[in-house]
Amino acid sequence: MFLEIVSPEKTLFTGDVFSVQLPGSEGSFQILNNHAPIVSTLKKGEIKLIGSFDNDSAENLNVQNNKEASLEIQSGVIEMKKNKLIILVD
């Protein structure tokens, strides 16, 4: 799926990923390819990404290895539609 993470200052990440774990305001949840359309709010926590990352595309993320990355957030909103996930974060 295509993922875009955007903050008020800049775009933090754009690229393809396999899965995303999110700190939902009603509990954490995971999104995979072809997930049903969803809009949800996020609370303070960590977004965990599984994919293939290089230094150029993931410079704003904490990359543990080339396949896992994370990002600490204060809050946010997500929209998943037609295999495209957009995350707006603070």
N, C-alpha and C. Protein backbone atom coordinates (compact mmCIF):
# COMPACT_ATOMS: atom_id res chain seq x y z
N MET A 1 0.84 -1.18 0.00
CA MET A 1 0.00 0.00 0.00
C MET A 1 0.88 1.23 0.00
N PHE A 2 0.35 2.32 -0.49
CA PHE A 2 1.10 3.57 -0.52
C PHE A 2 0.80 4.34 0.76
N LEU A 3 1.84 4.84 1.40
CA LEU A 3 1.72 5.58 2.66
C LEU A 3 2.30 6.97 2.52
N GLU A 4 1.58 7.94 3.08
CA GLU A 4 2.07 9.32 3.16
C GLU A 4 1.87 9.80 4.59
N ILE A 5 2.96 10.24 5.23
CA ILE A 5 2.89 10.79 6.59
C ILE A 5 3.23 12.27 6.48
N VAL A 6 2.30 13.12 6.96
CA VAL A 6 2.44 14.57 6.80
C VAL A 6 2.29 15.25 8.16
N SER A 7 3.19 16.19 8.46
CA SER A 7 3.07 17.03 9.64
C SER A 7 2.76 18.45 9.17
N PRO A 8 2.42 19.36 10.09
CA PRO A 8 2.17 20.74 9.66
C PRO A 8 3.38 21.40 8.99
N GLU A 9 4.59 20.95 9.33
CA GLU A 9 5.79 21.57 8.79
C GLU A 9 6.22 20.99 7.45
N LYS A 10 6.06 19.66 7.28
CA LYS A 10 6.59 19.02 6.07
C LYS A 10 6.04 17.61 5.91
N THR A 11 6.30 17.04 4.75
CA THR A 11 6.00 15.63 4.51
C THR A 11 7.12 14.80 5.11
N LEU A 12 6.77 13.88 6.02
CA LEU A 12 7.77 13.09 6.73
C LEU A 12 8.16 11.81 6.00
N PHE A 13 7.20 11.23 5.25
CA PHE A 13 7.50 10.00 4.53
C PHE A 13 6.47 9.79 3.43
N THR A 14 6.93 9.31 2.29
CA THR A 14 6.05 8.81 1.23
C THR A 14 6.70 7.56 0.66
N GLY A 15 5.91 6.54 0.46
CA GLY A 15 6.43 5.31 -0.12
C GLY A 15 5.52 4.13 0.13
N ASP A 16 5.92 3.00 -0.40
CA ASP A 16 5.15 1.77 -0.24
C ASP A 16 5.58 1.04 1.02
N VAL A 17 4.60 0.49 1.75
CA VAL A 17 4.86 -0.29 2.95
C VAL A 17 3.97 -1.53 2.94
N PHE A 18 4.33 -2.52 3.78
CA PHE A 18 3.55 -3.75 3.88
C PHE A 18 2.48 -3.65 4.98
N SER A 19 2.85 -3.03 6.12
CA SER A 19 1.89 -2.88 7.21
C SER A 19 2.25 -1.67 8.06
N VAL A 20 1.22 -1.16 8.77
CA VAL A 20 1.37 0.00 9.64
C VAL A 20 0.62 -0.29 10.93
N GLN A 21 1.31 -0.16 12.07
CA GLN A 21 0.66 -0.28 13.38
C GLN A 21 0.50 1.13 13.93
N LEU A 22 -0.71 1.43 14.41
CA LEU A 22 -1.04 2.79 14.81
C LEU A 22 -1.60 2.85 16.22
N PRO A 23 -1.29 3.94 16.97
CA PRO A 23 -1.85 4.12 18.31
C PRO A 23 -3.21 4.82 18.23
N GLY A 24 -4.26 4.08 17.94
CA GLY A 24 -5.59 4.67 17.82
C GLY A 24 -6.10 5.21 19.14
N SER A 25 -6.94 6.22 19.07
CA SER A 25 -7.46 6.81 20.31
C SER A 25 -8.36 5.84 21.08
N GLU A 26 -8.89 4.82 20.41
CA GLU A 26 -9.69 3.78 21.08
C GLU A 26 -8.92 2.46 21.22
N GLY A 27 -7.63 2.49 20.95
CA GLY A 27 -6.80 1.30 21.04
C GLY A 27 -5.95 1.14 19.79
N SER A 28 -4.82 0.46 19.91
CA SER A 28 -3.93 0.32 18.77
C SER A 28 -4.53 -0.63 17.74
N PHE A 29 -4.16 -0.41 16.47
CA PHE A 29 -4.65 -1.25 15.39
C PHE A 29 -3.63 -1.30 14.27
N GLN A 30 -3.81 -2.24 13.36
CA GLN A 30 -2.88 -2.45 12.26
C GLN A 30 -3.63 -2.34 10.94
N ILE A 31 -2.95 -1.79 9.94
CA ILE A 31 -3.51 -1.70 8.60
C ILE A 31 -2.57 -2.43 7.65
N LEU A 32 -3.17 -3.30 6.82
CA LEU A 32 -2.44 -4.05 5.81
C LEU A 32 -2.96 -3.68 4.43
N ASN A 33 -2.32 -4.22 3.38
CA ASN A 33 -2.79 -4.00 2.01
C ASN A 33 -4.26 -4.32 1.88
N ASN A 34 -4.96 -3.55 1.07
CA ASN A 34 -6.37 -3.75 0.74
C ASN A 34 -7.30 -3.69 1.96
N HIS A 35 -6.92 -2.94 2.97
CA HIS A 35 -7.77 -2.73 4.14
C HIS A 35 -9.03 -1.98 3.72
N ALA A 36 -10.11 -2.24 4.39
CA ALA A 36 -11.36 -1.52 4.13
C ALA A 36 -11.16 -0.02 4.40
N PRO A 37 -11.90 0.83 3.73
CA PRO A 37 -11.78 2.27 3.99
C PRO A 37 -12.03 2.58 5.47
N ILE A 38 -11.23 3.48 6.02
CA ILE A 38 -11.34 3.83 7.43
C ILE A 38 -10.82 5.25 7.64
N VAL A 39 -11.43 5.94 8.59
CA VAL A 39 -10.93 7.22 9.10
C VAL A 39 -10.88 7.06 10.60
N SER A 40 -9.76 7.45 11.23
CA SER A 40 -9.62 7.27 12.67
C SER A 40 -8.71 8.35 13.25
N THR A 41 -8.87 8.60 14.53
CA THR A 41 -7.99 9.53 15.24
C THR A 41 -6.90 8.74 15.96
N LEU A 42 -5.77 9.40 16.19
CA LEU A 42 -4.62 8.77 16.84
C LEU A 42 -4.29 9.52 18.12
N LYS A 43 -3.73 8.79 19.08
CA LYS A 43 -3.27 9.40 20.33
C LYS A 43 -1.74 9.36 20.36
N LYS A 44 -1.18 9.92 21.41
CA LYS A 44 0.28 9.91 21.58
C LYS A 44 0.77 8.47 21.59
N GLY A 45 1.84 8.24 20.83
CA GLY A 45 2.40 6.90 20.77
C GLY A 45 3.35 6.74 19.61
N GLU A 46 3.52 5.51 19.19
CA GLU A 46 4.49 5.19 18.15
C GLU A 46 3.80 4.54 16.95
N ILE A 47 4.10 5.06 15.77
CA ILE A 47 3.67 4.42 14.53
C ILE A 47 4.79 3.48 14.13
N LYS A 48 4.45 2.21 13.86
CA LYS A 48 5.45 1.22 13.44
C LYS A 48 5.16 0.81 12.00
N LEU A 49 6.19 0.85 11.18
CA LEU A 49 6.06 0.54 9.77
C LEU A 49 6.88 -0.69 9.41
N ILE A 50 6.32 -1.54 8.57
CA ILE A 50 7.05 -2.68 8.00
C ILE A 50 7.09 -2.45 6.50
N GLY A 51 8.28 -2.46 5.93
CA GLY A 51 8.44 -2.23 4.50
C GLY A 51 9.90 -2.35 4.13
N SER A 52 10.29 -1.64 3.11
CA SER A 52 11.68 -1.59 2.68
C SER A 52 12.10 -0.13 2.68
N PHE A 53 13.05 0.22 3.54
CA PHE A 53 13.40 1.63 3.75
C PHE A 53 14.86 1.88 3.40
N ASP A 54 15.12 3.03 2.79
CA ASP A 54 16.49 3.48 2.58
C ASP A 54 16.65 4.83 3.28
N ASN A 55 17.86 5.28 3.40
CA ASN A 55 18.14 6.51 4.15
C ASN A 55 17.49 7.74 3.55
N ASP A 56 17.37 7.79 2.23
CA ASP A 56 16.79 8.97 1.59
C ASP A 56 15.30 9.09 1.84
N SER A 57 14.55 8.00 1.69
CA SER A 57 13.10 8.07 1.83
C SER A 57 12.65 8.10 3.28
N ALA A 58 13.48 7.61 4.19
CA ALA A 58 13.08 7.49 5.60
C ALA A 58 13.91 8.35 6.53
N GLU A 59 14.40 9.47 6.06
CA GLU A 59 15.28 10.30 6.89
C GLU A 59 14.59 10.84 8.13
N ASN A 60 13.25 10.97 8.12
CA ASN A 60 12.52 11.49 9.28
C ASN A 60 12.02 10.38 10.21
N LEU A 61 12.32 9.14 9.88
CA LEU A 61 11.87 7.99 10.68
C LEU A 61 13.03 7.39 11.45
N ASN A 62 12.71 6.66 12.49
CA ASN A 62 13.70 5.90 13.24
C ASN A 62 13.74 4.51 12.62
N VAL A 63 14.73 4.25 11.77
CA VAL A 63 14.83 2.98 11.06
C VAL A 63 15.69 2.02 11.87
N GLN A 64 15.09 0.87 12.31
CA GLN A 64 15.83 -0.13 13.08
C GLN A 64 16.69 -0.98 12.16
N ASN A 65 16.17 -1.34 11.03
CA ASN A 65 16.90 -2.04 9.98
C ASN A 65 16.23 -1.62 8.68
N ASN A 66 16.58 -2.19 7.59
CA ASN A 66 16.01 -1.76 6.32
C ASN A 66 14.55 -2.19 6.15
N LYS A 67 13.99 -2.94 7.12
CA LYS A 67 12.62 -3.44 6.97
C LYS A 67 11.65 -2.91 8.01
N GLU A 68 12.14 -2.26 9.07
CA GLU A 68 11.28 -1.74 10.12
C GLU A 68 11.64 -0.30 10.43
N ALA A 69 10.60 0.51 10.66
CA ALA A 69 10.82 1.91 11.00
C ALA A 69 9.73 2.34 11.96
N SER A 70 9.97 3.43 12.69
CA SER A 70 8.97 3.93 13.62
C SER A 70 9.03 5.45 13.68
N LEU A 71 7.96 6.03 14.22
CA LEU A 71 7.85 7.47 14.36
C LEU A 71 7.01 7.77 15.59
N GLU A 72 7.52 8.57 16.52
CA GLU A 72 6.77 8.99 17.70
C GLU A 72 5.88 10.17 17.31
N ILE A 73 4.61 10.11 17.76
CA ILE A 73 3.67 11.20 17.47
C ILE A 73 2.96 11.65 18.74
N GLN A 74 2.40 12.84 18.70
CA GLN A 74 1.61 13.37 19.81
C GLN A 74 0.12 13.09 19.59
N SER A 75 -0.32 13.21 18.34
CA SER A 75 -1.70 12.93 17.97
C SER A 75 -1.78 12.91 16.45
N GLY A 76 -2.94 12.56 15.93
CA GLY A 76 -3.07 12.56 14.48
C GLY A 76 -4.40 12.02 14.00
N VAL A 77 -4.51 11.96 12.68
CA VAL A 77 -5.70 11.45 12.01
C VAL A 77 -5.23 10.62 10.82
N ILE A 78 -5.94 9.51 10.53
CA ILE A 78 -5.59 8.70 9.36
C ILE A 78 -6.80 8.54 8.46
N GLU A 79 -6.51 8.34 7.18
CA GLU A 79 -7.53 7.95 6.22
C GLU A 79 -6.95 6.87 5.32
N MET A 80 -7.65 5.74 5.23
CA MET A 80 -7.25 4.65 4.33
C MET A 80 -8.35 4.52 3.29
N LYS A 81 -7.97 4.60 2.01
CA LYS A 81 -8.94 4.50 0.94
C LYS A 81 -8.23 4.08 -0.34
N LYS A 82 -8.73 3.05 -1.00
CA LYS A 82 -8.19 2.57 -2.26
C LYS A 82 -6.70 2.25 -2.16
N ASN A 83 -6.32 1.58 -1.08
CA ASN A 83 -4.95 1.13 -0.83
C ASN A 83 -3.95 2.28 -0.68
N LYS A 84 -4.45 3.45 -0.29
CA LYS A 84 -3.58 4.61 0.02
C LYS A 84 -3.91 5.06 1.43
N LEU A 85 -2.87 5.11 2.28
CA LEU A 85 -3.01 5.53 3.66
C LEU A 85 -2.35 6.89 3.84
N ILE A 86 -3.13 7.85 4.34
CA ILE A 86 -2.60 9.17 4.64
C ILE A 86 -2.69 9.37 6.14
N ILE A 87 -1.56 9.76 6.75
CA ILE A 87 -1.50 10.00 8.19
C ILE A 87 -1.10 11.45 8.40
N LEU A 88 -1.95 12.22 9.07
CA LEU A 88 -1.64 13.59 9.45
C LEU A 88 -1.27 13.57 10.92
N VAL A 89 -0.06 14.05 11.25
CA VAL A 89 0.44 13.95 12.64
C VAL A 89 0.86 15.31 13.19
N ASP A 90 0.86 15.38 14.53
CA ASP A 90 1.41 16.53 15.26
C ASP A 90 2.73 16.14 15.84
